[in-house]
Amino acid sequence: MTAYLLEHAWVDGRVQDTVRVEVEHGRITSVVADASATGVPLRGLTLPGLANTHSHAFHRALRGRTQTDRGTFWTWREQMYAVAGRLDPDTYYALARATYAEMVSAGYTSVGEFHYLHHQPDGTPYDDPNAMGNALLAAARDAGIRITLLDTLYLSSGFGAAPEGVQRRFSDGTAEAWQERVAELEPVTGAAAAIGVAAHSVRAVPAEALKAFASYVEGGVPVHVHLSEQVKENADCVAAHGVTPTRLLADHGFLGPMTSAVHATHLTDEDVRLLGEARAFASFCPTTERDLGDGIGPAGQLQAAGSVLTLGSDSHAVIDAFEEMRGLELDERLASQARGHWSAAELIAAGSADGHRSLGFDDAGAIAVGQRADLVTIDLSSPRTAGTGGDAHTAVFAAGAADVTHVVADGRVVFDGDHAAVGRALADAIGKVWAP
């Protein structure tokens, strides 16, 4: 048994002082406020572990390299494809491990990895058809973060057209071949991991192939999809099918309470209603949506309709759980010209418990008995947090990833405050990706 003495902690929806937390076998067994007992001291404000519900680990190699010219989402995509063509299982493992370590140092204890980089650059499977997915599972284990590997179906370069160039390594050829490969995936030894599935988008998955997801939806498996990130996607879908992407998904049994609609940026009122009626998750990625110029999605409307909001870092232009939480609120302020759409408590829930639940971990995201022992401590005396009051608003509207001093995941210390070491590992891994 390990005991922690938390100077300040987010417990039962409020900040409480001097909280003693006991942990056994990765679970919280006791939470006592105002305790006068001893324990490993964690000074600052401690939150439950945060969840990154949408990640493409290999995109981390793009940070700082795509801002040198004007362009669009589609020109950015070509730069992303250049990275996708360079990776093999070894370099992917190293890059993902460093990226996941950065996530841990930012307070994330779970990640949903939207994985479509499956095969060799010419589309030929590796000897182990899941070599790339297994590299991600191993990287997460070694970085100390739980992972739901969302193995992704990708069959078309756009509404029936054959995959082109590097896209060939994304495709299994048919939905049946994809399902057979996914069935062989198993978490690596010692990993805190789960397997989910995803459709890349309605661009990349023909309508008939969407039916392959119905059994996963009915079985309660996490099912994710990029949805209406771009206006062009919507227009092309209407031209090809006569309906919006959301309606197409609904008509093929894709929507359910464990479905996550990623981005959900350009939606009609009917789209919002369909997602709400399905009680689907809406995974917003404010820093990426800002970076790519995607637009501001109808987060408030979705929540009011019945969807549950979660948060991801997607392309990793920024990896900062606190920036994603406040980004949701600040973007809504820009769109509505009004303040105060979500409380700090609601944003913490979106960034923690609701996010973990969307990844299949419904026992994480709270400092409470029976929950996974995930603890994230932030410094209350940094230049960002000093004088802010030390409450939930400090975490959401003042703190940043650099303020994280200590992270425990499943009862194990996975980050001790050494941000510089994380930076060195990233520099090494990314340098090898770009090496001639």
Foldseek 3Di string as FASTA:
>chain_A
DAKEFEQWECAPNWIAGGWIWDDDQQFTADIDGPDPDDGHYFYAYKFFFFEAEEAAQQLQLCQPPPPPDDDALVVVVVVVLVLLQLDDLVLLLLSLLLSLLLLVLQRHQEYEHADQQFDHQQLHADPLSRSNVQSNLVSCQVLRHEYAYALEAFAAPFQPHGDDGSCSSRHLNALVSSVVSLVPDDRDPRHNYHYAYEYAFCTGAPLVSLLSCQVVQVVLGQYEYAAPLAPVQQVRCCVNPVDGRLVSNVVNNNAALLYEHEQQADDDLVSLLSNQVRLYEYEYALVVCVVNVSHQHPVLSNVVNHHQYAYHNYSPSDSHLLCRLVSNQVSVCVVVVDHDSDDLSSSLCRGWQVSCVSSVQNQGGHSDGRRRPWMWRFDCCDPQRDPVPSISCSSNPTDISLRTQWIAGSNHTSHHNCVVVSVVSNVVSSCVSPPD
